């Protein structure tokens, strides 16, 4: 029996080592979607739709959560060797990460553009490029992008035993990736015989098997002078092209999907490109945020049209916090165009406002930290006039989205100490204008944060970054290029409460907590998250009852994402206990 006990103990140690429990994550969770502002609502000229198949809006506290499944980024460009250009990164794991960690949702991405001016005497050809992540090795044929495999890898969270990747693959992949042309009439109705669809996985396999070979492939839709194959049917006035990935799901290994370099042409004007931003190099406003600009133009105004805000909040590459750092590929940050009162509005508008905000679910008693990076150019009005407020704000909202109490506000000019620069007691902890009047560099960026505990009745948390009362510091001439402010890399962290049975405080209840419990057998000292229990036997039962839980999950939740083969470990540890009892009886 002692030999059995040693063998079982050794097997548990081996499993612990394989699971990497020596590098536990912090017991905290990032709540913001698209905190780095890189994922756009859609590339300009295109319509981008990002959804979750099983509709999280029907789930408690998830109705306000946007889906961030794409990003325009340099390494998704085709070809990758061209610097400064972008492609569309599609993230099949977005339904099982961030705010959806452990949920294993299926996600959908649909990118489309409509060309108006179809000529029914011509025929049309739609082309584009795809890249399916994977290693192309026969022995791991089911790994990589879920749209390139028949069966999901046995290490996928969808597999019955995801922590045993050597098991045979048994779960069918639901993912379908397509390019499509649809001919529409003047009422935007798809005409009979007006749809041409290409299955991208099938086309990739025809060019090079397997589909998940981590190589760029070009695909062609239509191009034939026949209705249903590229020629418009009678009554067609518009042509909609679409690249879609439906029911994507987390698989195993390198599993990204890239799209880039689309084209739509006809057989007569063969060199005329019908798509705008066809190479996806231009980035749109960020996904997940509400943009507010003002003040609204007054009666009689012509710039902008009456009742519409001006272009005060912008998103562009030179506002990115990391774009100048070696090895970084940030595409955009938030640009506050403070001079907009004279370029976007009538001259009688003295100041302008601009802000972005995002609302996420919250809970009473939760501890939240909102942080952001900021930089100001040399002549930014917010660094010259204290009446201009450049601020970060965090608000706790009830179930009706009404603020509870006073918001937490940080004026960046004053900084955490609340004192203006140069005044007695100032600790130089606020933001200042760039002193050298040159380009913004890494040294000009500063990070600021707000901390707060959610009060009773909290249902949501709203964060805001804003410039209020900004103005052009060169009002008599053209807007000077060195008077803007920038924000980037937002974060909202919730520090999670203790998890019963999480004796090593790493945010999950697993075999590492059993090891911590065993080391306490002689001393019988209180352990973190032991619920005040006084005996080792009771602590063991608490650990066993919560085994597999992670911070933010309920009893038994998150089992599919557990970082070890739970059944095996529990059986092994149970046998260890039996062996110990038997030995004492002998």
Protein backbone atom coordinates (compact mmCIF):
# COMPACT_ATOMS: atom_id res chain seq x y z
CA UNK A 1 0.00 0.00 0.00
CA UNK A 2 2.87 2.38 0.72
CA UNK A 3 4.17 1.69 -2.77
CA UNK A 4 0.73 2.52 -4.21
CA UNK A 5 0.65 5.72 -2.16
CA UNK A 6 4.04 6.82 -3.55
CA UNK A 7 3.03 6.00 -7.13
CA UNK A 8 -0.17 8.00 -6.81
CA UNK A 9 1.63 10.90 -5.20
CA UNK A 10 4.16 10.88 -8.04
CA UNK A 11 1.34 10.88 -10.63
CA UNK A 12 -0.23 13.93 -8.99
CA UNK A 13 3.10 15.77 -9.00
CA UNK A 14 3.60 14.98 -12.70
CA UNK A 15 0.13 16.32 -13.49
CA UNK A 16 0.81 19.51 -11.52
CA UNK A 17 4.03 20.10 -13.41
CA UNK A 18 2.35 19.54 -16.77
CA UNK A 19 -0.42 22.00 -15.91
CA UNK A 20 1.97 24.82 -15.07
CA UNK A 21 0.50 25.60 -11.67
CA UNK A 22 3.70 27.36 -10.69
CA UNK A 23 2.66 30.36 -12.79
CA UNK A 24 -0.85 31.24 -11.55
CA UNK A 25 -2.85 34.18 -12.93
CA UNK A 26 -3.89 37.06 -10.73
CA UNK A 27 -7.39 36.99 -9.23
CA UNK A 28 -8.56 39.88 -11.38
CA UNK A 29 -10.45 40.25 -14.64
CA UNK A 30 -10.37 42.79 -17.47
CA UNK A 31 -13.90 44.06 -18.14
CA UNK A 32 -13.47 46.37 -21.13
CA UNK A 33 -13.97 45.24 -24.66
CA UNK A 34 -11.33 46.61 -27.05
CA UNK A 35 -9.41 48.54 -24.42
CA UNK A 36 -6.59 49.27 -26.86
CA UNK A 37 -9.05 50.80 -29.38
CA UNK A 38 -7.67 48.59 -32.17
CA UNK A 39 -10.91 46.77 -33.08
CA UNK A 40 -13.03 49.09 -35.23
CA UNK A 41 -16.80 49.18 -35.64
CA UNK A 42 -16.03 48.63 -39.32
CA UNK A 43 -13.29 49.58 -41.77
CA UNK A 44 -14.45 52.71 -43.64
CA UNK A 45 -16.50 51.75 -46.70
CA UNK A 46 -17.49 48.41 -45.18
CA UNK A 47 -20.18 47.12 -42.84
CA UNK A 48 -18.78 44.86 -40.14
CA UNK A 49 -21.16 42.75 -38.06
CA UNK A 50 -19.87 40.85 -35.01
CA UNK A 51 -22.30 38.64 -33.09
CA UNK A 52 -22.53 35.64 -30.78
CA UNK A 53 -24.56 32.74 -32.11
CA UNK A 54 -26.36 31.91 -28.87
CA UNK A 55 -27.35 35.56 -28.31
CA UNK A 56 -25.80 36.75 -25.04
CA UNK A 57 -28.37 39.55 -24.90
CA UNK A 58 -30.74 36.96 -23.44
CA UNK A 59 -28.31 36.19 -20.63
CA UNK A 60 -28.31 38.00 -17.33
CA UNK A 61 -26.03 41.06 -17.22
CA UNK A 62 -24.68 40.48 -20.75
CA UNK A 63 -27.06 42.59 -22.83
CA UNK A 64 -24.65 45.56 -22.91
CA UNK A 65 -21.51 43.59 -23.74
CA UNK A 66 -20.27 44.21 -27.30
CA UNK A 67 -18.39 41.52 -29.19
CA UNK A 68 -14.81 42.27 -30.18
CA UNK A 69 -13.87 39.57 -32.67
CA UNK A 70 -11.79 41.55 -35.18
CA UNK A 71 -8.87 43.93 -35.38
CA UNK A 72 -7.15 45.74 -38.23
CA UNK A 73 -3.49 45.09 -37.64
CA UNK A 74 -0.20 44.96 -39.55
CA UNK A 75 0.61 41.26 -39.16
CA UNK A 76 -2.72 40.41 -40.87
CA UNK A 77 -1.66 42.30 -44.00
CA UNK A 78 -1.18 40.43 -47.27
CA UNK A 79 1.64 40.30 -48.10
CA UNK A 80 3.06 40.63 -44.61
CA UNK A 81 6.27 42.22 -45.88
CA UNK A 82 4.66 45.59 -46.72
CA UNK A 83 5.15 47.92 -43.77
CA UNK A 84 2.44 50.35 -42.73
CA UNK A 85 -0.40 48.36 -44.28
CA UNK A 86 -3.14 46.47 -42.47
CA UNK A 87 -5.37 43.43 -42.80
CA UNK A 88 -8.35 42.13 -40.82
CA UNK A 89 -7.54 39.79 -37.95
CA UNK A 90 -10.56 37.67 -37.04
CA UNK A 91 -10.47 36.09 -33.57
CA UNK A 92 -12.32 32.76 -33.38
CA UNK A 93 -11.62 32.57 -29.63
CA UNK A 94 -13.45 35.83 -28.83
CA UNK A 95 -16.46 33.91 -27.50
CA UNK A 96 -14.26 32.19 -24.92
CA UNK A 97 -12.00 35.02 -23.75
CA UNK A 98 -12.19 38.32 -21.87
CA UNK A 99 -15.67 38.87 -20.48
CA UNK A 100 -16.76 35.58 -22.09
CA UNK A 101 -13.91 33.49 -20.62
CA UNK A 102 -15.14 29.95 -19.95
CA UNK A 103 -18.42 30.46 -21.87
CA UNK A 104 -17.19 28.90 -25.14
CA UNK A 105 -19.66 30.83 -27.31
CA UNK A 106 -19.76 30.49 -31.07
CA UNK A 107 -19.12 33.84 -32.80
CA UNK A 108 -19.85 35.29 -36.23
CA UNK A 109 -18.05 37.95 -38.29
CA UNK A 110 -19.54 39.35 -41.49
CA UNK A 111 -17.73 41.98 -43.59
CA UNK A 112 -19.73 43.41 -46.51
CA UNK A 113 -19.81 46.28 -48.98
CA UNK A 114 -22.45 47.23 -51.56
CA UNK A 115 -21.61 48.59 -55.01
CA UNK A 116 -24.31 50.72 -56.63
CA UNK A 117 -24.37 51.00 -60.39
CA UNK A 118 -24.54 47.44 -61.67
CA UNK A 119 -24.62 47.08 -65.46
CA UNK A 120 -26.62 43.98 -66.43
CA UNK A 121 -24.77 43.67 -69.75
CA UNK A 122 -21.51 42.90 -67.92
CA UNK A 123 -20.35 40.21 -65.52
CA UNK A 124 -18.47 40.71 -62.28
CA UNK A 125 -15.58 39.09 -60.42
CA UNK A 126 -15.06 39.33 -56.66
CA UNK A 127 -11.66 38.30 -55.27
CA UNK A 128 -10.06 38.31 -51.84
CA UNK A 129 -7.37 36.66 -49.73
CA UNK A 130 -7.65 34.41 -46.68
CA UNK A 131 -5.20 33.02 -44.14
CA UNK A 132 -6.16 30.05 -41.92
CA UNK A 133 -4.01 29.51 -38.80
CA UNK A 134 -2.63 26.01 -38.17
CA UNK A 135 0.54 23.96 -38.45
CA UNK A 136 -0.36 21.83 -41.53
CA UNK A 137 1.06 18.70 -39.87
CA UNK A 138 -0.78 15.42 -40.59
CA UNK A 139 -0.54 14.27 -36.96
CA UNK A 140 -2.34 17.43 -35.79
CA UNK A 141 -4.75 17.80 -38.68
CA UNK A 142 -7.58 18.98 -36.43
CA UNK A 143 -5.74 21.92 -34.85
CA UNK A 144 -5.85 25.56 -35.91
CA UNK A 145 -8.75 27.68 -37.16
CA UNK A 146 -12.08 25.98 -36.53
CA UNK A 147 -13.23 26.81 -40.07
CA UNK A 148 -10.47 24.71 -41.61
CA UNK A 149 -11.19 21.35 -39.94
CA UNK A 150 -13.89 18.68 -39.98
CA UNK A 151 -13.44 17.70 -36.33
CA UNK A 152 -12.32 20.01 -33.56
CA UNK A 153 -9.06 19.08 -31.87
CA UNK A 154 -9.40 16.96 -28.72
CA UNK A 155 -7.80 19.85 -26.83
CA UNK A 156 -10.65 22.18 -27.77
CA UNK A 157 -12.92 23.33 -24.91
CA UNK A 158 -15.79 21.75 -26.88
CA UNK A 159 -14.25 18.30 -26.49
CA UNK A 160 -15.58 16.11 -23.65
CA UNK A 161 -12.02 15.76 -22.28
CA UNK A 162 -10.29 18.97 -23.40
CA UNK A 163 -7.30 18.51 -21.11
CA UNK A 164 -6.30 15.26 -22.81
CA UNK A 165 -5.24 16.48 -26.26
CA UNK A 166 -4.04 13.02 -27.26
CA UNK A 167 -7.60 11.68 -27.33
CA UNK A 168 -9.18 11.14 -30.75
CA UNK A 169 -11.08 14.14 -32.13
CA UNK A 170 -14.83 13.50 -31.98
CA UNK A 171 -16.64 16.87 -32.06
CA UNK A 172 -17.67 18.26 -35.46
CA UNK A 173 -16.63 21.82 -36.20
CA UNK A 174 -19.64 24.09 -36.82
CA UNK A 175 -17.64 26.84 -38.56
CA UNK A 176 -18.33 27.87 -42.15
CA UNK A 177 -16.24 30.51 -43.97
CA UNK A 178 -17.53 31.99 -47.24
CA UNK A 179 -17.07 34.69 -49.86
CA UNK A 180 -20.30 35.75 -51.54
CA UNK A 181 -21.75 38.02 -54.23
CA UNK A 182 -25.44 39.02 -54.08
CA UNK A 183 -27.23 41.00 -56.78
CA UNK A 184 -29.95 43.28 -55.39
CA UNK A 185 -32.77 45.28 -56.90
CA UNK A 186 -33.45 48.94 -56.14
CA UNK A 187 -35.27 47.91 -52.94
CA UNK A 188 -32.21 46.00 -51.67
CA UNK A 189 -33.91 42.64 -52.17
CA UNK A 190 -31.68 39.75 -53.27
CA UNK A 191 -32.87 38.58 -56.68
CA UNK A 192 -33.53 34.95 -57.65
CA UNK A 193 -30.37 33.38 -59.07
CA UNK A 194 -28.58 36.45 -57.81
CA UNK A 195 -26.29 34.79 -55.26
CA UNK A 196 -22.87 33.27 -55.89
CA UNK A 197 -21.18 31.65 -52.86
CA UNK A 198 -17.71 30.16 -52.45
CA UNK A 199 -16.83 27.91 -49.49
CA UNK A 200 -13.36 29.09 -48.52
CA UNK A 201 -12.25 25.91 -46.77
CA UNK A 202 -13.12 23.84 -49.85
CA UNK A 203 -11.30 26.28 -52.10
CA UNK A 204 -8.22 26.31 -49.87
CA UNK A 205 -8.10 22.51 -49.84
CA UNK A 206 -8.34 22.49 -53.63
CA UNK A 207 -5.30 24.78 -53.77
CA UNK A 208 -3.30 23.11 -50.99
CA UNK A 209 -4.37 20.50 -48.47
CA UNK A 210 -4.89 20.88 -45.52
CA UNK A 211 -6.78 24.18 -45.32
CA UNK A 212 -5.06 25.23 -42.06
CA UNK A 213 -1.59 25.67 -43.52
CA UNK A 214 -0.91 29.24 -42.24
CA UNK A 215 -0.50 30.47 -45.82
CA UNK A 216 -2.25 33.20 -47.80
CA UNK A 217 -4.60 32.00 -50.54
CA UNK A 218 -6.51 34.00 -53.15
CA UNK A 219 -10.15 33.20 -53.90
CA UNK A 220 -12.34 34.12 -56.87
CA UNK A 221 -16.14 34.39 -56.88
CA UNK A 222 -18.09 34.81 -60.12
CA UNK A 223 -16.20 35.85 -63.22
CA UNK A 224 -18.47 33.90 -65.59
CA UNK A 225 -20.89 35.45 -68.10
CA UNK A 226 -23.79 33.37 -66.79
CA UNK A 227 -26.56 34.34 -64.38
CA UNK A 228 -25.78 32.72 -61.05
CA UNK A 229 -22.05 32.74 -61.78
CA UNK A 230 -21.24 36.42 -62.08
CA UNK A 231 -23.72 37.92 -64.55
CA UNK A 232 -26.45 40.06 -62.96
CA UNK A 233 -30.04 38.82 -63.27
CA UNK A 234 -32.68 41.09 -64.76
CA UNK A 235 -33.58 43.97 -62.45
CA UNK A 236 -30.22 44.09 -60.62
CA UNK A 237 -29.01 47.58 -59.68
CA UNK A 238 -26.63 46.78 -56.81
CA UNK A 239 -24.03 44.16 -55.92
CA UNK A 240 -23.18 43.24 -52.33
CA UNK A 241 -19.96 41.35 -51.61
CA UNK A 242 -19.39 39.57 -48.31
CA UNK A 243 -16.64 37.74 -46.46
CA UNK A 244 -18.12 35.78 -43.56
CA UNK A 245 -17.01 33.42 -40.81
CA UNK A 246 -20.00 31.87 -39.06
CA UNK A 247 -20.11 29.81 -35.86
CA UNK A 248 -16.41 30.20 -35.11
CA UNK A 249 -15.38 28.46 -31.92
CA UNK A 250 -12.23 28.01 -29.87
CA UNK A 251 -10.15 25.12 -31.15
CA UNK A 252 -6.49 24.34 -30.33
CA UNK A 253 -3.14 25.83 -31.27
CA UNK A 254 -2.60 28.75 -33.68
CA UNK A 255 -6.14 29.42 -34.88
CA UNK A 256 -6.39 32.98 -36.22
CA UNK A 257 -8.18 33.93 -39.43
CA UNK A 258 -7.04 36.84 -41.64
CA UNK A 259 -8.81 38.59 -44.55
CA UNK A 260 -7.23 41.17 -46.85
CA UNK A 261 -7.00 42.72 -50.32
CA UNK A 262 -10.47 42.37 -51.79
CA UNK A 263 -11.39 43.46 -55.30
CA UNK A 264 -14.57 43.82 -57.38
CA UNK A 265 -14.25 44.42 -61.13
CA UNK A 266 -16.25 43.83 -64.30
CA UNK A 267 -15.26 42.41 -67.65
CA UNK A 268 -15.37 45.76 -69.48
CA UNK A 269 -13.60 48.21 -67.14
CA UNK A 270 -11.13 45.60 -66.05
CA UNK A 271 -8.83 48.00 -64.21
CA UNK A 272 -11.53 49.97 -62.37
CA UNK A 273 -11.84 49.00 -58.71
CA UNK A 274 -15.46 49.08 -57.50
CA UNK A 275 -14.73 48.70 -53.79
CA UNK A 276 -13.58 51.47 -51.47
CA UNK A 277 -10.85 50.72 -48.93
CA UNK A 278 -10.53 47.34 -50.62
CA UNK A 279 -7.14 46.69 -49.00
CA UNK A 280 -8.50 47.46 -45.48
CA UNK A 281 -5.65 49.86 -44.74
CA UNK A 282 -7.93 52.59 -43.37
CA UNK A 283 -9.19 52.10 -39.80
CA UNK A 284 -12.63 53.08 -38.50
CA UNK A 285 -13.83 54.20 -35.04
CA UNK A 286 -13.37 51.65 -32.23
CA UNK A 287 -15.83 48.92 -31.40
CA UNK A 288 -17.45 48.94 -27.96
CA UNK A 289 -17.51 52.70 -27.23
CA UNK A 290 -20.01 55.55 -27.30
CA UNK A 291 -18.59 58.75 -28.81
CA UNK A 292 -19.96 62.13 -27.74
CA UNK A 293 -18.99 65.45 -29.32
CA UNK A 294 -20.26 68.96 -28.85
CA UNK A 295 -21.55 71.46 -28.45
CA UNK A 296 -24.20 70.91 -31.10
CA UNK A 297 -24.26 73.62 -33.74
CA UNK A 298 -26.75 76.34 -33.04
CA UNK A 299 -29.52 77.78 -35.22
CA UNK A 300 -28.22 79.17 -38.49
CA UNK A 301 -24.93 77.28 -38.35
CA UNK A 302 -23.60 75.70 -41.50
CA UNK A 303 -20.48 73.93 -40.18
CA UNK A 304 -21.39 71.28 -39.24
CA UNK A 305 -25.06 70.97 -40.25
CA UNK A 306 -27.47 72.16 -37.60
CA UNK A 307 -27.84 69.70 -34.73
CA UNK A 308 -24.81 67.58 -35.62
CA UNK A 309 -21.53 67.41 -33.71
CA UNK A 310 -18.18 68.11 -35.33
CA UNK A 311 -15.17 65.87 -35.86
CA UNK A 312 -13.61 66.40 -32.44
CA UNK A 313 -12.98 62.75 -31.43
CA UNK A 314 -10.91 60.92 -34.00
CA UNK A 315 -8.97 57.65 -34.14
CA UNK A 316 -5.67 57.52 -35.98
CA UNK A 317 -2.26 55.85 -36.02
CA UNK A 318 -0.18 58.69 -34.61
CA UNK A 319 -2.41 58.71 -31.49
CA UNK A 320 -1.47 55.10 -30.67
CA UNK A 321 0.47 54.68 -27.44
CA UNK A 322 2.80 51.99 -28.80
CA UNK A 323 3.13 52.65 -32.54
CA UNK A 324 6.66 54.05 -32.19
CA UNK A 325 7.97 51.21 -30.01
CA UNK A 326 10.05 48.41 -31.59
CA UNK A 327 8.02 45.27 -32.18
CA UNK A 328 4.67 46.96 -31.53
CA UNK A 329 1.87 47.00 -34.10
CA UNK A 330 -0.76 49.35 -32.67
CA UNK A 331 -2.93 50.84 -35.39
CA UNK A 332 -4.74 53.68 -33.64
CA UNK A 333 -5.48 55.66 -30.50
CA UNK A 334 -7.94 58.40 -29.54
CA UNK A 335 -7.21 61.89 -30.90
CA UNK A 336 -8.90 64.91 -29.30
CA UNK A 337 -8.83 67.57 -32.04
CA UNK A 338 -9.00 70.51 -29.64
CA UNK A 339 -8.89 73.08 -32.47
CA UNK A 340 -12.30 71.95 -33.76
CA UNK A 341 -14.11 75.02 -32.53
CA UNK A 342 -12.73 77.04 -35.45
CA UNK A 343 -12.36 74.33 -38.10
CA UNK A 344 -15.55 72.32 -37.51
CA UNK A 345 -17.89 75.02 -36.16
CA UNK A 346 -18.83 78.63 -36.81
CA UNK A 347 -16.34 81.10 -35.32
CA UNK A 348 -18.79 82.04 -32.57
CA UNK A 349 -18.38 78.61 -30.98
CA UNK A 350 -15.69 79.24 -28.38
CA UNK A 351 -15.03 75.74 -27.04
CA UNK A 352 -15.68 72.09 -27.93
CA UNK A 353 -16.11 68.85 -26.02
CA UNK A 354 -15.25 65.28 -26.93
CA UNK A 355 -15.49 62.01 -25.02
CA UNK A 356 -15.64 58.23 -25.31
CA UNK A 357 -17.34 55.93 -22.82
CA UNK A 358 -18.09 52.25 -22.30
CA UNK A 359 -20.55 50.56 -19.92
CA UNK A 360 -20.01 47.06 -18.55
CA UNK A 361 -21.82 44.94 -15.93
CA UNK A 362 -20.81 45.55 -12.30
CA UNK A 363 -21.75 44.27 -8.86
CA UNK A 364 -22.10 45.80 -5.38
CA UNK A 365 -18.91 45.55 -3.35
CA UNK A 366 -16.69 44.98 -6.38
CA UNK A 367 -13.33 46.77 -6.41
CA UNK A 368 -12.65 48.47 -9.75
CA UNK A 369 -9.59 50.17 -11.24
CA UNK A 370 -9.94 52.27 -14.41
CA UNK A 371 -6.63 53.20 -16.07
CA UNK A 372 -5.61 54.93 -19.30
CA UNK A 373 -2.56 56.39 -21.02
CA UNK A 374 -2.47 60.04 -22.09
CA UNK A 375 -0.18 62.45 -23.95
CA UNK A 376 -0.54 66.15 -24.75
CA UNK A 377 1.11 68.20 -27.48
CA UNK A 378 2.97 71.41 -26.70
CA UNK A 379 0.12 73.87 -27.32
CA UNK A 380 -2.85 71.78 -26.13
CA UNK A 381 -5.36 74.13 -24.49
CA UNK A 382 -5.91 71.70 -21.59
CA UNK A 383 -2.31 72.15 -20.49
CA UNK A 384 -2.42 75.94 -20.78
CA UNK A 385 -5.82 76.86 -19.31
CA UNK A 386 -7.13 75.23 -16.09
CA UNK A 387 -10.72 75.88 -17.21
CA UNK A 388 -10.26 73.12 -19.80
CA UNK A 389 -10.98 69.74 -18.25
CA UNK A 390 -9.20 66.69 -19.59
CA UNK A 391 -10.51 63.95 -17.38
CA UNK A 392 -11.14 60.31 -16.63
CA UNK A 393 -14.40 59.34 -14.95
CA UNK A 394 -15.85 56.18 -13.43
CA UNK A 395 -19.54 55.92 -12.53
CA UNK A 396 -21.55 53.20 -10.80
CA UNK A 397 -25.03 52.75 -12.29
CA UNK A 398 -28.17 50.99 -11.09
CA UNK A 399 -30.25 48.53 -13.14
CA UNK A 400 -31.91 51.48 -14.91
CA UNK A 401 -28.46 52.87 -15.85
CA UNK A 402 -28.91 55.81 -13.49
CA UNK A 403 -25.78 57.01 -11.63
CA UNK A 404 -25.50 56.09 -7.95
CA UNK A 405 -23.96 58.91 -5.92
CA UNK A 406 -21.15 61.09 -7.23
CA UNK A 407 -18.82 59.85 -9.98
CA UNK A 408 -15.11 59.33 -9.42
CA UNK A 409 -13.30 61.96 -11.51
CA UNK A 410 -9.61 62.60 -12.17
CA UNK A 411 -8.57 65.91 -13.78
CA UNK A 412 -5.35 64.96 -15.58
CA UNK A 413 -3.87 68.45 -15.39
CA UNK A 414 -4.09 68.45 -11.59
CA UNK A 415 -3.29 64.76 -11.24
CA UNK A 416 -4.04 62.57 -8.22
CA UNK A 417 -2.82 65.23 -5.76
CA UNK A 418 -5.45 67.67 -7.11
CA UNK A 419 -2.97 70.56 -7.35
CA UNK A 420 -2.24 72.59 -10.47
CA UNK A 421 1.31 72.36 -11.85
CA UNK A 422 3.67 74.84 -10.25
CA UNK A 423 1.43 75.52 -7.27
CA UNK A 424 2.59 74.86 -3.68
CA UNK A 425 2.33 71.19 -2.82
CA UNK A 426 2.30 70.00 -6.43
CA UNK A 427 4.01 66.61 -6.74
CA UNK A 428 4.21 66.73 -10.56
CA UNK A 429 1.80 63.78 -10.79
CA UNK A 430 -0.45 65.33 -13.47
CA UNK A 431 -0.20 65.43 -17.24
CA UNK A 432 1.79 68.23 -18.88
CA UNK A 433 2.23 69.48 -22.40
CA UNK A 434 5.13 68.15 -24.43
CA UNK A 435 7.97 70.54 -23.62
CA UNK A 436 10.07 70.23 -26.78
CA UNK A 437 7.27 70.95 -29.29
CA UNK A 438 8.38 67.93 -31.28
CA UNK A 439 6.64 64.64 -32.10
CA UNK A 440 5.05 62.74 -29.21
CA UNK A 441 7.45 60.09 -27.89
CA UNK A 442 7.28 57.34 -25.29
CA UNK A 443 8.47 59.79 -22.61
CA UNK A 444 5.43 62.04 -23.19
CA UNK A 445 2.90 59.32 -22.34
CA UNK A 446 1.70 58.95 -18.75
CA UNK A 447 -0.64 56.40 -17.20
CA UNK A 448 -3.38 57.44 -14.78
CA UNK A 449 -5.89 55.42 -12.79
CA UNK A 450 -9.06 55.69 -10.69
CA UNK A 451 -10.03 53.21 -7.98
CA UNK A 452 -13.40 52.65 -6.39
CA UNK A 453 -15.70 50.16 -4.66
CA UNK A 454 -19.16 49.71 -6.13
CA UNK A 455 -21.98 50.78 -3.77
CA UNK A 456 -25.19 48.91 -3.09
CA UNK A 457 -27.55 48.51 -6.07
CA UNK A 458 -24.70 48.68 -8.61
CA UNK A 459 -25.58 46.87 -11.82
CA UNK A 460 -23.19 48.55 -14.27
CA UNK A 461 -19.92 50.49 -14.35
CA UNK A 462 -19.36 53.26 -16.91
CA UNK A 463 -15.93 54.67 -17.75
CA UNK A 464 -15.32 57.89 -19.66
CA UNK A 465 -12.31 59.75 -21.07
CA UNK A 466 -13.01 63.31 -22.14
CA UNK A 467 -11.77 66.75 -23.09
CA UNK A 468 -14.23 69.49 -22.09
CA UNK A 469 -14.03 73.16 -22.97
CA UNK A 470 -11.15 72.72 -25.43
CA UNK A 471 -10.28 75.46 -27.91
CA UNK A 472 -7.93 76.36 -30.73
CA UNK A 473 -4.86 78.06 -29.27
CA UNK A 474 -4.13 79.59 -32.72
CA UNK A 475 -7.61 80.94 -33.54
CA UNK A 476 -6.55 83.47 -36.16
CA UNK A 477 -4.73 81.06 -38.41
CA UNK A 478 -4.75 77.47 -39.55
CA UNK A 479 -4.98 74.84 -36.83
CA UNK A 480 -1.54 74.25 -35.42
CA UNK A 481 -0.63 70.58 -35.52
CA UNK A 482 0.82 70.60 -32.00
CA UNK A 483 -2.26 71.34 -29.90
CA UNK A 484 -3.98 67.96 -29.58
CA UNK A 485 -4.48 65.49 -26.74
CA UNK A 486 -4.40 61.70 -26.98
CA UNK A 487 -5.79 58.75 -25.01
CA UNK A 488 -5.07 55.06 -25.53
CA UNK A 489 -4.93 51.62 -23.89
CA UNK A 490 -7.90 51.82 -21.53
CA UNK A 491 -8.38 49.16 -18.86
CA UNK A 492 -11.06 48.42 -16.27
CA UNK A 493 -9.97 45.74 -13.82
CA UNK A 494 -12.24 44.13 -11.26
CA UNK A 495 -10.47 42.60 -8.28
CA UNK A 496 -12.41 39.45 -7.58
CA UNK A 497 -13.49 38.35 -4.10
CA UNK A 498 -11.99 35.29 -2.49
CA UNK A 499 -12.96 31.92 -3.95
CA UNK A 500 -13.80 29.19 -1.38
CA UNK A 501 -11.14 26.48 -1.52
CA UNK A 502 -8.63 28.67 -3.38
CA UNK A 503 -5.98 28.23 -0.69
CA UNK A 504 -3.13 29.68 -2.77
CA UNK A 505 -5.21 32.67 -3.98
CA UNK A 506 -4.55 32.24 -7.69
CA UNK A 507 -8.15 32.68 -8.81
CA UNK A 508 -9.03 29.01 -9.30
CA UNK A 509 -9.57 25.89 -7.21
CA UNK A 510 -7.29 23.17 -8.50
CA UNK A 511 -4.63 20.65 -7.53
CA UNK A 512 -2.24 23.39 -6.44
CA UNK A 513 -4.65 24.18 -3.60
CA UNK A 514 -4.54 20.51 -2.55
CA UNK A 515 -0.76 20.79 -2.30
CA UNK A 516 -1.15 23.91 -0.14
CA UNK A 517 -3.66 22.04 2.04
CA UNK A 518 -1.32 19.03 2.44
CA UNK A 519 1.53 21.26 3.60
CA UNK A 520 -0.75 22.56 6.34
CA UNK A 521 -1.63 19.09 7.68
CA UNK A 522 0.63 19.26 10.74
CA UNK A 523 0.28 22.94 11.59
CA UNK A 524 -3.48 23.13 10.97
CA UNK A 525 -3.23 26.91 10.50
CA UNK A 526 -6.03 28.97 8.92
CA UNK A 527 -5.73 29.08 5.13
CA UNK A 528 -6.82 31.81 2.72
CA UNK A 529 -10.40 31.30 1.51
CA UNK A 530 -11.09 28.45 3.96
CA UNK A 531 -14.35 30.08 5.12
CA UNK A 532 -13.12 30.08 8.71
CA UNK A 533 -13.08 26.29 8.97
CA UNK A 534 -11.05 24.90 11.87
CA UNK A 535 -10.03 21.41 10.73
CA UNK A 536 -8.06 20.04 7.81
CA UNK A 537 -10.85 17.55 7.08
CA UNK A 538 -13.38 20.37 6.68
CA UNK A 539 -10.98 22.35 4.50
CA UNK A 540 -10.48 19.31 2.28
CA UNK A 541 -14.23 18.93 1.85
CA UNK A 542 -14.49 22.64 0.99
CA UNK A 543 -11.75 22.28 -1.60
CA UNK A 544 -13.34 19.16 -3.08
CA UNK A 545 -16.80 20.77 -3.28
CA UNK A 546 -15.37 23.75 -5.21
CA UNK A 547 -12.77 21.93 -7.30
CA UNK A 548 -12.71 23.32 -10.84
CA UNK A 549 -14.25 26.68 -9.97
CA UNK A 550 -12.62 29.89 -11.11
CA UNK A 551 -13.14 33.46 -9.98
CA UNK A 552 -16.44 34.68 -11.32
CA UNK A 553 -17.91 31.18 -11.71
CA UNK A 554 -20.46 29.33 -9.62
CA UNK A 555 -20.25 25.82 -8.23
CA UNK A 556 -19.21 23.51 -11.02
CA UNK A 557 -18.96 26.33 -13.57
CA UNK A 558 -16.03 26.62 -15.89
CA UNK A 559 -15.26 22.92 -15.79
CA UNK A 560 -14.57 22.86 -19.51
CA UNK A 561 -11.79 25.40 -19.05
CA UNK A 562 -10.10 23.76 -16.04
CA UNK A 563 -6.31 23.70 -16.29
CA UNK A 564 -5.93 20.02 -15.38
CA UNK A 565 -7.68 16.66 -15.95
CA UNK A 566 -10.01 17.06 -12.99
CA UNK A 567 -11.46 13.58 -12.80
CA UNK A 568 -8.05 11.97 -12.83
CA UNK A 569 -6.70 14.26 -10.15
CA UNK A 570 -9.68 13.83 -7.84
CA UNK A 571 -9.51 10.08 -8.24
CA UNK A 572 -5.78 10.06 -7.54
CA UNK A 573 -6.10 12.33 -4.53
CA UNK A 574 -9.02 10.29 -3.25
CA UNK A 575 -6.95 7.13 -3.51
CA UNK A 576 -4.16 8.85 -1.62
CA UNK A 577 -6.61 9.46 1.20
CA UNK A 578 -7.80 5.86 1.08
CA UNK A 579 -4.24 4.61 1.12
CA UNK A 580 -3.46 6.72 4.14
CA UNK A 581 -6.52 5.47 6.02
CA UNK A 582 -5.75 1.83 5.16
CA UNK A 583 -2.16 2.22 6.32
CA UNK A 584 -3.26 3.62 9.66
CA UNK A 585 -5.73 0.72 10.04
CA UNK A 586 -3.01 -1.82 9.26
